[in-house]
mmCIF file of all heavy atoms, coordinates in Angstrom:
data_MODEL
# 
_entry.id   MODEL 
# 
loop_
_atom_site.group_PDB 
_atom_site.id 
_atom_site.type_symbol 
_atom_site.label_atom_id 
_atom_site.label_alt_id 
_atom_site.label_comp_id 
_atom_site.label_asym_id 
_atom_site.label_entity_id 
_atom_site.label_seq_id 
_atom_site.pdbx_PDB_ins_code 
_atom_site.Cartn_x 
_atom_site.Cartn_y 
_atom_site.Cartn_z 
_atom_site.occupancy 
_atom_site.B_iso_or_equiv 
_atom_site.pdbx_formal_charge 
_atom_site.auth_seq_id 
_atom_site.auth_comp_id 
_atom_site.auth_asym_id 
_atom_site.auth_atom_id 
_atom_site.pdbx_PDB_model_num 
ATOM 1   N N   . ALA A 1 1  ? -0.527 10.608  9.783  1.00 0.00 ? 1  ALA A N   1 
ATOM 2   C CA  . ALA A 1 1  ? -1.745 10.881  9.144  1.00 0.00 ? 1  ALA A CA  1 
ATOM 3   C C   . ALA A 1 1  ? -1.841 10.450  7.699  1.00 0.00 ? 1  ALA A C   1 
ATOM 4   O O   . ALA A 1 1  ? -2.948 10.454  7.051  1.00 0.00 ? 1  ALA A O   1 
ATOM 5   C CB  . ALA A 1 1  ? -2.252 12.301  9.258  1.00 0.00 ? 1  ALA A CB  1 
ATOM 6   N N   . GLN A 1 2  ? -0.700 9.936   7.229  1.00 0.00 ? 2  GLN A N   1 
ATOM 7   C CA  . GLN A 1 2  ? -0.623 9.643   5.753  1.00 0.00 ? 2  GLN A CA  1 
ATOM 8   C C   . GLN A 1 2  ? -1.270 8.350   5.425  1.00 0.00 ? 2  GLN A C   1 
ATOM 9   O O   . GLN A 1 2  ? -1.410 7.421   6.318  1.00 0.00 ? 2  GLN A O   1 
ATOM 10  C CB  . GLN A 1 2  ? 0.821  9.578   5.391  1.00 0.00 ? 2  GLN A CB  1 
ATOM 11  C CG  . GLN A 1 2  ? 1.463  11.085  5.490  1.00 0.00 ? 2  GLN A CG  1 
ATOM 12  C CD  . GLN A 1 2  ? 2.990  10.993  4.973  1.00 0.00 ? 2  GLN A CD  1 
ATOM 13  O OE1 . GLN A 1 2  ? 3.248  11.367  3.896  1.00 0.00 ? 2  GLN A OE1 1 
ATOM 14  N NE2 . GLN A 1 2  ? 3.832  10.684  5.928  1.00 0.00 ? 2  GLN A NE2 1 
ATOM 15  N N   . PRO A 1 3  ? -1.730 8.136   4.198  1.00 0.00 ? 3  PRO A N   1 
ATOM 16  C CA  . PRO A 1 3  ? -2.387 6.852   3.742  1.00 0.00 ? 3  PRO A CA  1 
ATOM 17  C C   . PRO A 1 3  ? -1.524 5.658   4.041  1.00 0.00 ? 3  PRO A C   1 
ATOM 18  O O   . PRO A 1 3  ? -0.388 5.659   3.803  1.00 0.00 ? 3  PRO A O   1 
ATOM 19  C CB  . PRO A 1 3  ? -2.632 6.957   2.345  1.00 0.00 ? 3  PRO A CB  1 
ATOM 20  C CG  . PRO A 1 3  ? -2.582 8.522   1.996  1.00 0.00 ? 3  PRO A CG  1 
ATOM 21  C CD  . PRO A 1 3  ? -1.654 9.004   3.079  1.00 0.00 ? 3  PRO A CD  1 
ATOM 22  N N   . GLY A 1 4  ? -2.204 4.625   4.582  1.00 0.00 ? 4  GLY A N   1 
ATOM 23  C CA  . GLY A 1 4  ? -1.416 3.313   4.859  1.00 0.00 ? 4  GLY A CA  1 
ATOM 24  C C   . GLY A 1 4  ? -0.796 3.210   6.212  1.00 0.00 ? 4  GLY A C   1 
ATOM 25  O O   . GLY A 1 4  ? -0.413 2.104   6.590  1.00 0.00 ? 4  GLY A O   1 
ATOM 26  N N   . MET A 1 5  ? -0.616 4.276   6.853  1.00 0.00 ? 5  MET A N   1 
ATOM 27  C CA  . MET A 1 5  ? 0.059  4.266   8.120  1.00 0.00 ? 5  MET A CA  1 
ATOM 28  C C   . MET A 1 5  ? -0.708 3.549   9.265  1.00 0.00 ? 5  MET A C   1 
ATOM 29  O O   . MET A 1 5  ? -0.335 2.629   9.928  1.00 0.00 ? 5  MET A O   1 
ATOM 30  C CB  . MET A 1 5  ? 0.341  5.693   8.600  1.00 0.00 ? 5  MET A CB  1 
ATOM 31  C CG  . MET A 1 5  ? 1.369  6.311   7.897  1.00 0.00 ? 5  MET A CG  1 
ATOM 32  S SD  . MET A 1 5  ? 3.064  5.766   8.164  1.00 0.00 ? 5  MET A SD  1 
ATOM 33  C CE  . MET A 1 5  ? 4.097  6.921   7.227  1.00 0.00 ? 5  MET A CE  1 
ATOM 34  N N   . ALA A 1 6  ? -2.078 3.879   9.367  1.00 0.00 ? 6  ALA A N   1 
ATOM 35  C CA  . ALA A 1 6  ? -2.935 3.295   10.412 1.00 0.00 ? 6  ALA A CA  1 
ATOM 36  C C   . ALA A 1 6  ? -3.049 1.833   10.224 1.00 0.00 ? 6  ALA A C   1 
ATOM 37  O O   . ALA A 1 6  ? -3.086 1.088   11.159 1.00 0.00 ? 6  ALA A O   1 
ATOM 38  C CB  . ALA A 1 6  ? -4.222 4.005   10.362 1.00 0.00 ? 6  ALA A CB  1 
ATOM 39  N N   . LYS A 1 7  ? -3.165 1.434   8.931  1.00 0.00 ? 7  LYS A N   1 
ATOM 40  C CA  . LYS A 1 7  ? -3.270 -0.015  8.653  1.00 0.00 ? 7  LYS A CA  1 
ATOM 41  C C   . LYS A 1 7  ? -2.188 -0.805  9.142  1.00 0.00 ? 7  LYS A C   1 
ATOM 42  O O   . LYS A 1 7  ? -2.359 -2.000  9.557  1.00 0.00 ? 7  LYS A O   1 
ATOM 43  C CB  . LYS A 1 7  ? -3.452 -0.171  7.091  1.00 0.00 ? 7  LYS A CB  1 
ATOM 44  C CG  . LYS A 1 7  ? -3.649 -1.660  6.635  1.00 0.00 ? 7  LYS A CG  1 
ATOM 45  C CD  . LYS A 1 7  ? -3.723 -1.704  5.188  1.00 0.00 ? 7  LYS A CD  1 
ATOM 46  C CE  . LYS A 1 7  ? -3.781 -3.118  4.739  1.00 0.00 ? 7  LYS A CE  1 
ATOM 47  N NZ  . LYS A 1 7  ? -3.848 -3.284  3.230  1.00 0.00 ? 7  LYS A NZ  1 
ATOM 48  N N   . ASN A 1 8  ? -0.949 -0.262  9.089  1.00 0.00 ? 8  ASN A N   1 
ATOM 49  C CA  . ASN A 1 8  ? 0.322  -0.874  9.549  1.00 0.00 ? 8  ASN A CA  1 
ATOM 50  C C   . ASN A 1 8  ? 0.552  -0.647  11.049 1.00 0.00 ? 8  ASN A C   1 
ATOM 51  O O   . ASN A 1 8  ? 1.711  -0.998  11.359 1.00 0.00 ? 8  ASN A O   1 
ATOM 52  C CB  . ASN A 1 8  ? 1.393  -0.551  8.614  1.00 0.00 ? 8  ASN A CB  1 
ATOM 53  C CG  . ASN A 1 8  ? 1.341  -1.137  7.281  1.00 0.00 ? 8  ASN A CG  1 
ATOM 54  O OD1 . ASN A 1 8  ? 0.327  -1.968  6.983  1.00 0.00 ? 8  ASN A OD1 1 
ATOM 55  N ND2 . ASN A 1 8  ? 2.198  -0.890  6.309  1.00 0.00 ? 8  ASN A ND2 1 
ATOM 56  N N   . GLY A 1 9  ? -0.350 -0.062  11.723 1.00 0.00 ? 9  GLY A N   1 
ATOM 57  C CA  . GLY A 1 9  ? -0.056 0.180   13.125 1.00 0.00 ? 9  GLY A CA  1 
ATOM 58  C C   . GLY A 1 9  ? 0.913  1.315   13.453 1.00 0.00 ? 9  GLY A C   1 
ATOM 59  O O   . GLY A 1 9  ? 1.441  1.351   14.569 1.00 0.00 ? 9  GLY A O   1 
ATOM 60  N N   . LEU A 1 10 ? 1.063  2.177   12.495 1.00 0.00 ? 10 LEU A N   1 
ATOM 61  C CA  . LEU A 1 10 ? 1.950  3.333   12.686 1.00 0.00 ? 10 LEU A CA  1 
ATOM 62  C C   . LEU A 1 10 ? 1.049  4.542   13.139 1.00 0.00 ? 10 LEU A C   1 
ATOM 63  O O   . LEU A 1 10 ? 0.367  5.112   12.452 1.00 0.00 ? 10 LEU A O   1 
ATOM 64  C CB  . LEU A 1 10 ? 2.610  3.758   11.396 1.00 0.00 ? 10 LEU A CB  1 
ATOM 65  C CG  . LEU A 1 10 ? 3.779  2.702   11.022 1.00 0.00 ? 10 LEU A CG  1 
ATOM 66  C CD1 . LEU A 1 10 ? 4.085  2.829   9.570  1.00 0.00 ? 10 LEU A CD1 1 
ATOM 67  C CD2 . LEU A 1 10 ? 5.012  2.944   11.948 1.00 0.00 ? 10 LEU A CD2 1 
ATOM 68  N N   . SER A 1 11 ? 1.294  4.965   14.374 1.00 0.00 ? 11 SER A N   1 
ATOM 69  C CA  . SER A 1 11 ? 0.528  6.101   14.992 1.00 0.00 ? 11 SER A CA  1 
ATOM 70  C C   . SER A 1 11 ? 1.305  6.506   16.209 1.00 0.00 ? 11 SER A C   1 
ATOM 71  O O   . SER A 1 11 ? 2.169  5.761   16.783 1.00 0.00 ? 11 SER A O   1 
ATOM 72  C CB  . SER A 1 11 ? -0.849 5.776   15.308 1.00 0.00 ? 11 SER A CB  1 
ATOM 73  O OG  . SER A 1 11 ? -0.905 4.907   16.369 1.00 0.00 ? 11 SER A OG  1 
ATOM 74  N N   . LEU A 1 12 ? 0.933  7.666   16.813 1.00 0.00 ? 12 LEU A N   1 
ATOM 75  C CA  . LEU A 1 12 ? 1.593  8.075   18.089 1.00 0.00 ? 12 LEU A CA  1 
ATOM 76  C C   . LEU A 1 12 ? 1.119  7.189   19.221 1.00 0.00 ? 12 LEU A C   1 
ATOM 77  O O   . LEU A 1 12 ? 1.724  7.197   20.294 1.00 0.00 ? 12 LEU A O   1 
ATOM 78  C CB  . LEU A 1 12 ? 1.109  9.570   18.328 1.00 0.00 ? 12 LEU A CB  1 
ATOM 79  C CG  . LEU A 1 12 ? 2.004  10.608  17.703 1.00 0.00 ? 12 LEU A CG  1 
ATOM 80  C CD1 . LEU A 1 12 ? 1.450  12.032  17.976 1.00 0.00 ? 12 LEU A CD1 1 
ATOM 81  C CD2 . LEU A 1 12 ? 3.349  10.594  18.184 1.00 0.00 ? 12 LEU A CD2 1 
ATOM 82  N N   . ASP A 1 13 ? 0.069  6.479   19.003 1.00 0.00 ? 13 ASP A N   1 
ATOM 83  C CA  . ASP A 1 13 ? -0.505 5.600   20.125 1.00 0.00 ? 13 ASP A CA  1 
ATOM 84  C C   . ASP A 1 13 ? 0.373  4.361   20.233 1.00 0.00 ? 13 ASP A C   1 
ATOM 85  O O   . ASP A 1 13 ? 0.385  3.806   21.322 1.00 0.00 ? 13 ASP A O   1 
ATOM 86  C CB  . ASP A 1 13 ? -1.992 5.121   19.719 1.00 0.00 ? 13 ASP A CB  1 
ATOM 87  C CG  . ASP A 1 13 ? -2.819 5.589   20.785 1.00 0.00 ? 13 ASP A CG  1 
ATOM 88  O OD1 . ASP A 1 13 ? -2.465 6.348   21.701 1.00 0.00 ? 13 ASP A OD1 1 
ATOM 89  O OD2 . ASP A 1 13 ? -4.060 5.191   20.677 1.00 0.00 ? 13 ASP A OD2 1 
ATOM 90  N N   . THR A 1 14 ? 1.230  4.053   19.201 1.00 0.00 ? 14 THR A N   1 
ATOM 91  C CA  . THR A 1 14 ? 2.100  2.884   19.301 1.00 0.00 ? 14 THR A CA  1 
ATOM 92  C C   . THR A 1 14 ? 3.573  3.238   19.197 1.00 0.00 ? 14 THR A C   1 
ATOM 93  O O   . THR A 1 14 ? 4.350  2.578   19.727 1.00 0.00 ? 14 THR A O   1 
ATOM 94  C CB  . THR A 1 14 ? 1.740  1.824   18.251 1.00 0.00 ? 14 THR A CB  1 
ATOM 95  O OG1 . THR A 1 14 ? 1.628  2.492   17.001 1.00 0.00 ? 14 THR A OG1 1 
ATOM 96  C CG2 . THR A 1 14 ? 0.428  1.133   18.486 1.00 0.00 ? 14 THR A CG2 1 
ATOM 97  N N   . TRP A 1 15 ? 3.921  4.332   18.404 1.00 0.00 ? 15 TRP A N   1 
ATOM 98  C CA  . TRP A 1 15 ? 5.238  4.774   18.258 1.00 0.00 ? 15 TRP A CA  1 
ATOM 99  C C   . TRP A 1 15 ? 5.383  6.197   18.493 1.00 0.00 ? 15 TRP A C   1 
ATOM 100 O O   . TRP A 1 15 ? 5.400  7.064   17.771 1.00 0.00 ? 15 TRP A O   1 
ATOM 101 C CB  . TRP A 1 15 ? 5.642  4.475   16.746 1.00 0.00 ? 15 TRP A CB  1 
ATOM 102 C CG  . TRP A 1 15 ? 5.607  2.901   16.436 1.00 0.00 ? 15 TRP A CG  1 
ATOM 103 C CD1 . TRP A 1 15 ? 4.716  2.367   15.711 1.00 0.00 ? 15 TRP A CD1 1 
ATOM 104 C CD2 . TRP A 1 15 ? 6.581  2.065   16.767 1.00 0.00 ? 15 TRP A CD2 1 
ATOM 105 N NE1 . TRP A 1 15 ? 4.937  0.981   15.609 1.00 0.00 ? 15 TRP A NE1 1 
ATOM 106 C CE2 . TRP A 1 15 ? 6.236  0.723   16.261 1.00 0.00 ? 15 TRP A CE2 1 
ATOM 107 C CE3 . TRP A 1 15 ? 7.907  2.165   17.514 1.00 0.00 ? 15 TRP A CE3 1 
ATOM 108 C CZ2 . TRP A 1 15 ? 6.957  -0.355  16.464 1.00 0.00 ? 15 TRP A CZ2 1 
ATOM 109 C CZ3 . TRP A 1 15 ? 8.521  0.930   17.706 1.00 0.00 ? 15 TRP A CZ3 1 
ATOM 110 C CH2 . TRP A 1 15 ? 8.091  -0.362  17.231 1.00 0.00 ? 15 TRP A CH2 1 
ATOM 111 N N   . PRO A 1 16 ? 5.492  6.515   19.826 1.00 0.00 ? 16 PRO A N   1 
ATOM 112 C CA  . PRO A 1 16 ? 5.512  7.914   20.299 1.00 0.00 ? 16 PRO A CA  1 
ATOM 113 C C   . PRO A 1 16 ? 6.745  8.588   19.922 1.00 0.00 ? 16 PRO A C   1 
ATOM 114 O O   . PRO A 1 16 ? 7.863  7.954   19.597 1.00 0.00 ? 16 PRO A O   1 
ATOM 115 C CB  . PRO A 1 16 ? 5.352  7.848   21.822 1.00 0.00 ? 16 PRO A CB  1 
ATOM 116 C CG  . PRO A 1 16 ? 5.888  6.390   22.168 1.00 0.00 ? 16 PRO A CG  1 
ATOM 117 C CD  . PRO A 1 16 ? 5.495  5.607   20.974 1.00 0.00 ? 16 PRO A CD  1 
ATOM 118 N N   . VAL A 1 17 ? 6.723  10.011  19.840 1.00 0.00 ? 17 VAL A N   1 
ATOM 119 C CA  . VAL A 1 17 ? 7.864  10.835  19.441 1.00 0.00 ? 17 VAL A CA  1 
ATOM 120 C C   . VAL A 1 17 ? 8.055  11.846  20.516 1.00 0.00 ? 17 VAL A C   1 
ATOM 121 O O   . VAL A 1 17 ? 7.227  12.744  20.690 1.00 0.00 ? 17 VAL A O   1 
ATOM 122 C CB  . VAL A 1 17 ? 7.503  11.466  18.068 1.00 0.00 ? 17 VAL A CB  1 
ATOM 123 C CG1 . VAL A 1 17 ? 8.818  12.306  17.604 1.00 0.00 ? 17 VAL A CG1 1 
ATOM 124 C CG2 . VAL A 1 17 ? 7.205  10.491  16.988 1.00 0.00 ? 17 VAL A CG2 1 
ATOM 125 N N   . GLY A 1 18 ? 9.178  11.704  21.345 1.00 0.00 ? 18 GLY A N   1 
ATOM 126 C CA  . GLY A 1 18 ? 9.333  12.599  22.386 1.00 0.00 ? 18 GLY A CA  1 
ATOM 127 C C   . GLY A 1 18 ? 10.797 12.973  22.536 1.00 0.00 ? 18 GLY A C   1 
ATOM 128 O O   . GLY A 1 18 ? 11.625 12.772  21.746 1.00 0.00 ? 18 GLY A O   1 
ATOM 129 N N   . THR A 1 19 ? 11.021 13.704  23.733 1.00 0.00 ? 19 THR A N   1 
ATOM 130 C CA  . THR A 1 19 ? 12.345 14.169  23.982 1.00 0.00 ? 19 THR A CA  1 
ATOM 131 C C   . THR A 1 19 ? 13.047 13.440  25.120 1.00 0.00 ? 19 THR A C   1 
ATOM 132 O O   . THR A 1 19 ? 14.141 13.842  25.628 1.00 0.00 ? 19 THR A O   1 
ATOM 133 C CB  . THR A 1 19 ? 12.286 15.654  24.373 1.00 0.00 ? 19 THR A CB  1 
ATOM 134 O OG1 . THR A 1 19 ? 11.558 15.792  25.640 1.00 0.00 ? 19 THR A OG1 1 
ATOM 135 C CG2 . THR A 1 19 ? 11.648 16.494  23.294 1.00 0.00 ? 19 THR A CG2 1 
ATOM 136 N N   . GLY A 1 20 ? 12.352 12.463  25.634 1.00 0.00 ? 20 GLY A N   1 
ATOM 137 C CA  . GLY A 1 20 ? 12.722 11.752  26.906 1.00 0.00 ? 20 GLY A CA  1 
ATOM 138 C C   . GLY A 1 20 ? 14.049 10.981  26.718 1.00 0.00 ? 20 GLY A C   1 
ATOM 139 O O   . GLY A 1 20 ? 14.543 10.915  25.696 1.00 0.00 ? 20 GLY A O   1 
ATOM 140 N N   . PRO A 1 21 ? 14.474 10.316  27.847 1.00 0.00 ? 21 PRO A N   1 
ATOM 141 C CA  . PRO A 1 21 ? 15.704 9.555   27.845 1.00 0.00 ? 21 PRO A CA  1 
ATOM 142 C C   . PRO A 1 21 ? 15.746 8.309   27.012 1.00 0.00 ? 21 PRO A C   1 
ATOM 143 O O   . PRO A 1 21 ? 16.794 7.859   26.717 1.00 0.00 ? 21 PRO A O   1 
ATOM 144 C CB  . PRO A 1 21 ? 15.871 9.288   29.278 1.00 0.00 ? 21 PRO A CB  1 
ATOM 145 C CG  . PRO A 1 21 ? 14.558 9.237   29.885 1.00 0.00 ? 21 PRO A CG  1 
ATOM 146 C CD  . PRO A 1 21 ? 13.785 10.335  29.157 1.00 0.00 ? 21 PRO A CD  1 
ATOM 147 N N   . PHE A 1 22 ? 14.499 7.815   26.610 1.00 0.00 ? 22 PHE A N   1 
ATOM 148 C CA  . PHE A 1 22 ? 14.467 6.520   25.829 1.00 0.00 ? 22 PHE A CA  1 
ATOM 149 C C   . PHE A 1 22 ? 13.625 6.676   24.653 1.00 0.00 ? 22 PHE A C   1 
ATOM 150 O O   . PHE A 1 22 ? 12.766 7.523   24.470 1.00 0.00 ? 22 PHE A O   1 
ATOM 151 C CB  . PHE A 1 22 ? 13.907 5.428   26.706 1.00 0.00 ? 22 PHE A CB  1 
ATOM 152 C CG  . PHE A 1 22 ? 14.875 5.129   27.879 1.00 0.00 ? 22 PHE A CG  1 
ATOM 153 C CD1 . PHE A 1 22 ? 14.529 5.708   29.172 1.00 0.00 ? 22 PHE A CD1 1 
ATOM 154 C CD2 . PHE A 1 22 ? 15.991 4.322   27.839 1.00 0.00 ? 22 PHE A CD2 1 
ATOM 155 C CE1 . PHE A 1 22 ? 15.362 5.530   30.266 1.00 0.00 ? 22 PHE A CE1 1 
ATOM 156 C CE2 . PHE A 1 22 ? 16.748 4.126   28.880 1.00 0.00 ? 22 PHE A CE2 1 
ATOM 157 C CZ  . PHE A 1 22 ? 16.539 4.641   30.150 1.00 0.00 ? 22 PHE A CZ  1 
ATOM 158 N N   . VAL A 1 23 ? 13.868 5.715   23.712 1.00 0.00 ? 23 VAL A N   1 
ATOM 159 C CA  . VAL A 1 23 ? 13.048 5.535   22.480 1.00 0.00 ? 23 VAL A CA  1 
ATOM 160 C C   . VAL A 1 23 ? 12.458 4.212   22.403 1.00 0.00 ? 23 VAL A C   1 
ATOM 161 O O   . VAL A 1 23 ? 13.245 3.242   22.677 1.00 0.00 ? 23 VAL A O   1 
ATOM 162 C CB  . VAL A 1 23 ? 13.948 5.814   21.216 1.00 0.00 ? 23 VAL A CB  1 
ATOM 163 C CG1 . VAL A 1 23 ? 13.240 5.671   19.930 1.00 0.00 ? 23 VAL A CG1 1 
ATOM 164 C CG2 . VAL A 1 23 ? 14.599 7.179   21.272 1.00 0.00 ? 23 VAL A CG2 1 
ATOM 165 N N   . LEU A 1 24 ? 11.251 4.020   22.080 1.00 0.00 ? 24 LEU A N   1 
ATOM 166 C CA  . LEU A 1 24 ? 10.607 2.726   21.868 1.00 0.00 ? 24 LEU A CA  1 
ATOM 167 C C   . LEU A 1 24 ? 11.161 2.160   20.616 1.00 0.00 ? 24 LEU A C   1 
ATOM 168 O O   . LEU A 1 24 ? 10.982 2.715   19.545 1.00 0.00 ? 24 LEU A O   1 
ATOM 169 C CB  . LEU A 1 24 ? 9.080  2.883   21.818 1.00 0.00 ? 24 LEU A CB  1 
ATOM 170 C CG  . LEU A 1 24 ? 8.258  1.571   21.633 1.00 0.00 ? 24 LEU A CG  1 
ATOM 171 C CD1 . LEU A 1 24 ? 8.509  0.664   22.867 1.00 0.00 ? 24 LEU A CD1 1 
ATOM 172 C CD2 . LEU A 1 24 ? 6.812  1.910   21.516 1.00 0.00 ? 24 LEU A CD2 1 
ATOM 173 N N   . THR A 1 25 ? 11.763 1.035   20.681 1.00 0.00 ? 25 THR A N   1 
ATOM 174 C CA  . THR A 1 25 ? 12.437 0.406   19.485 1.00 0.00 ? 25 THR A CA  1 
ATOM 175 C C   . THR A 1 25 ? 11.753 -0.935  19.093 1.00 0.00 ? 25 THR A C   1 
ATOM 176 O O   . THR A 1 25 ? 11.936 -1.346  17.978 1.00 0.00 ? 25 THR A O   1 
ATOM 177 C CB  . THR A 1 25 ? 13.929 0.161   19.743 1.00 0.00 ? 25 THR A CB  1 
ATOM 178 O OG1 . THR A 1 25 ? 14.145 -0.663  20.963 1.00 0.00 ? 25 THR A OG1 1 
ATOM 179 C CG2 . THR A 1 25 ? 14.686 1.462   19.894 1.00 0.00 ? 25 THR A CG2 1 
ATOM 180 N N   . GLN A 1 26 ? 11.103 -1.581  20.060 1.00 0.00 ? 26 GLN A N   1 
ATOM 181 C CA  . GLN A 1 26 ? 10.372 -2.879  19.761 1.00 0.00 ? 26 GLN A CA  1 
ATOM 182 C C   . GLN A 1 26 ? 8.980  -2.796  20.362 1.00 0.00 ? 26 GLN A C   1 
ATOM 183 O O   . GLN A 1 26 ? 8.870  -2.441  21.544 1.00 0.00 ? 26 GLN A O   1 
ATOM 184 C CB  . GLN A 1 26 ? 11.094 -4.046  20.286 1.00 0.00 ? 26 GLN A CB  1 
ATOM 185 C CG  . GLN A 1 26 ? 12.461 -4.279  19.553 1.00 0.00 ? 26 GLN A CG  1 
ATOM 186 C CD  . GLN A 1 26 ? 13.126 -5.557  20.051 1.00 0.00 ? 26 GLN A CD  1 
ATOM 187 O OE1 . GLN A 1 26 ? 12.550 -6.615  20.353 1.00 0.00 ? 26 GLN A OE1 1 
ATOM 188 N NE2 . GLN A 1 26 ? 14.465 -5.493  20.333 1.00 0.00 ? 26 GLN A NE2 1 
ATOM 189 N N   . TYR A 1 27 ? 7.957  -3.145  19.588 1.00 0.00 ? 27 TYR A N   1 
ATOM 190 C CA  . TYR A 1 27 ? 6.669  -3.158  20.039 1.00 0.00 ? 27 TYR A CA  1 
ATOM 191 C C   . TYR A 1 27 ? 6.018  -4.465  19.556 1.00 0.00 ? 27 TYR A C   1 
ATOM 192 O O   . TYR A 1 27 ? 5.570  -4.665  18.349 1.00 0.00 ? 27 TYR A O   1 
ATOM 193 C CB  . TYR A 1 27 ? 5.868  -1.915  19.519 1.00 0.00 ? 27 TYR A CB  1 
ATOM 194 C CG  . TYR A 1 27 ? 4.426  -1.835  20.125 1.00 0.00 ? 27 TYR A CG  1 
ATOM 195 C CD1 . TYR A 1 27 ? 4.162  -0.897  21.071 1.00 0.00 ? 27 TYR A CD1 1 
ATOM 196 C CD2 . TYR A 1 27 ? 3.436  -2.678  19.550 1.00 0.00 ? 27 TYR A CD2 1 
ATOM 197 C CE1 . TYR A 1 27 ? 2.870  -0.812  21.582 1.00 0.00 ? 27 TYR A CE1 1 
ATOM 198 C CE2 . TYR A 1 27 ? 2.080  -2.533  20.124 1.00 0.00 ? 27 TYR A CE2 1 
ATOM 199 C CZ  . TYR A 1 27 ? 1.837  -1.536  21.097 1.00 0.00 ? 27 TYR A CZ  1 
ATOM 200 O OH  . TYR A 1 27 ? 0.558  -1.502  21.600 1.00 0.00 ? 27 TYR A OH  1 
ATOM 201 N N   . GLU A 1 28 ? 6.035  -5.437  20.413 1.00 0.00 ? 28 GLU A N   1 
ATOM 202 C CA  . GLU A 1 28 ? 5.344  -6.752  20.066 1.00 0.00 ? 28 GLU A CA  1 
ATOM 203 C C   . GLU A 1 28 ? 4.041  -6.859  20.850 1.00 0.00 ? 28 GLU A C   1 
ATOM 204 O O   . GLU A 1 28 ? 4.130  -7.024  22.139 1.00 0.00 ? 28 GLU A O   1 
ATOM 205 C CB  . GLU A 1 28 ? 6.324  -7.905  20.412 1.00 0.00 ? 28 GLU A CB  1 
ATOM 206 C CG  . GLU A 1 28 ? 7.587  -7.894  19.566 1.00 0.00 ? 28 GLU A CG  1 
ATOM 207 C CD  . GLU A 1 28 ? 8.503  -9.028  19.958 1.00 0.00 ? 28 GLU A CD  1 
ATOM 208 O OE1 . GLU A 1 28 ? 8.007  -10.237 20.059 1.00 0.00 ? 28 GLU A OE1 1 
ATOM 209 O OE2 . GLU A 1 28 ? 9.780  -8.739  20.152 1.00 0.00 ? 28 GLU A OE2 1 
ATOM 210 N N   . GLN A 1 29 ? 2.991  -6.756  20.192 1.00 0.00 ? 29 GLN A N   1 
ATOM 211 C CA  . GLN A 1 29 ? 1.638  -6.669  20.867 1.00 0.00 ? 29 GLN A CA  1 
ATOM 212 C C   . GLN A 1 29 ? 1.442  -7.856  21.884 1.00 0.00 ? 29 GLN A C   1 
ATOM 213 O O   . GLN A 1 29 ? 1.624  -8.991  21.566 1.00 0.00 ? 29 GLN A O   1 
ATOM 214 C CB  . GLN A 1 29 ? 0.629  -6.816  19.846 1.00 0.00 ? 29 GLN A CB  1 
ATOM 215 C CG  . GLN A 1 29 ? -0.812 -6.594  20.320 1.00 0.00 ? 29 GLN A CG  1 
ATOM 216 C CD  . GLN A 1 29 ? -1.141 -5.223  20.708 1.00 0.00 ? 29 GLN A CD  1 
ATOM 217 O OE1 . GLN A 1 29 ? -0.773 -4.322  20.112 1.00 0.00 ? 29 GLN A OE1 1 
ATOM 218 N NE2 . GLN A 1 29 ? -1.980 -5.043  21.670 1.00 0.00 ? 29 GLN A NE2 1 
ATOM 219 N N   . ASP A 1 30 ? 1.161  -7.242  23.150 1.00 0.00 ? 30 ASP A N   1 
ATOM 220 C CA  . ASP A 1 30 ? 0.866  -8.183  24.224 1.00 0.00 ? 30 ASP A CA  1 
ATOM 221 C C   . ASP A 1 30 ? 2.008  -9.265  24.502 1.00 0.00 ? 30 ASP A C   1 
ATOM 222 O O   . ASP A 1 30 ? 1.724  -10.295 25.094 1.00 0.00 ? 30 ASP A O   1 
ATOM 223 C CB  . ASP A 1 30 ? -0.397 -9.073  23.941 1.00 0.00 ? 30 ASP A CB  1 
ATOM 224 C CG  . ASP A 1 30 ? -1.556 -8.178  23.712 1.00 0.00 ? 30 ASP A CG  1 
ATOM 225 O OD1 . ASP A 1 30 ? -1.588 -6.935  24.206 1.00 0.00 ? 30 ASP A OD1 1 
ATOM 226 O OD2 . ASP A 1 30 ? -2.562 -8.475  22.950 1.00 0.00 ? 30 ASP A OD2 1 
ATOM 227 N N   . ARG A 1 31 ? 3.220  -8.866  24.139 1.00 0.00 ? 31 ARG A N   1 
ATOM 228 C CA  . ARG A 1 31 ? 4.317  -9.799  24.319 1.00 0.00 ? 31 ARG A CA  1 
ATOM 229 C C   . ARG A 1 31 ? 5.570  -9.061  24.954 1.00 0.00 ? 31 ARG A C   1 
ATOM 230 O O   . ARG A 1 31 ? 6.139  -9.412  26.050 1.00 0.00 ? 31 ARG A O   1 
ATOM 231 C CB  . ARG A 1 31 ? 4.734  -10.446 23.188 1.00 0.00 ? 31 ARG A CB  1 
ATOM 232 C CG  . ARG A 1 31 ? 5.774  -11.627 23.302 1.00 0.00 ? 31 ARG A CG  1 
ATOM 233 C CD  . ARG A 1 31 ? 6.015  -12.417 22.026 1.00 0.00 ? 31 ARG A CD  1 
ATOM 234 N NE  . ARG A 1 31 ? 7.096  -13.280 22.298 1.00 0.00 ? 31 ARG A NE  1 
ATOM 235 C CZ  . ARG A 1 31 ? 8.360  -13.040 21.873 1.00 0.00 ? 31 ARG A CZ  1 
ATOM 236 N NH1 . ARG A 1 31 ? 8.673  -11.806 21.467 1.00 0.00 ? 31 ARG A NH1 1 
ATOM 237 N NH2 . ARG A 1 31 ? 9.376  -13.955 22.094 1.00 0.00 ? 31 ARG A NH2 1 
# 
């Protein structure tokens, strides 16, 4: 929720935070 985060695509919608077996490490839009 901090300033500048949304502008740079930083959110739970793109970089989730969980307890599961894997971590999202690369997010290349539509690729």
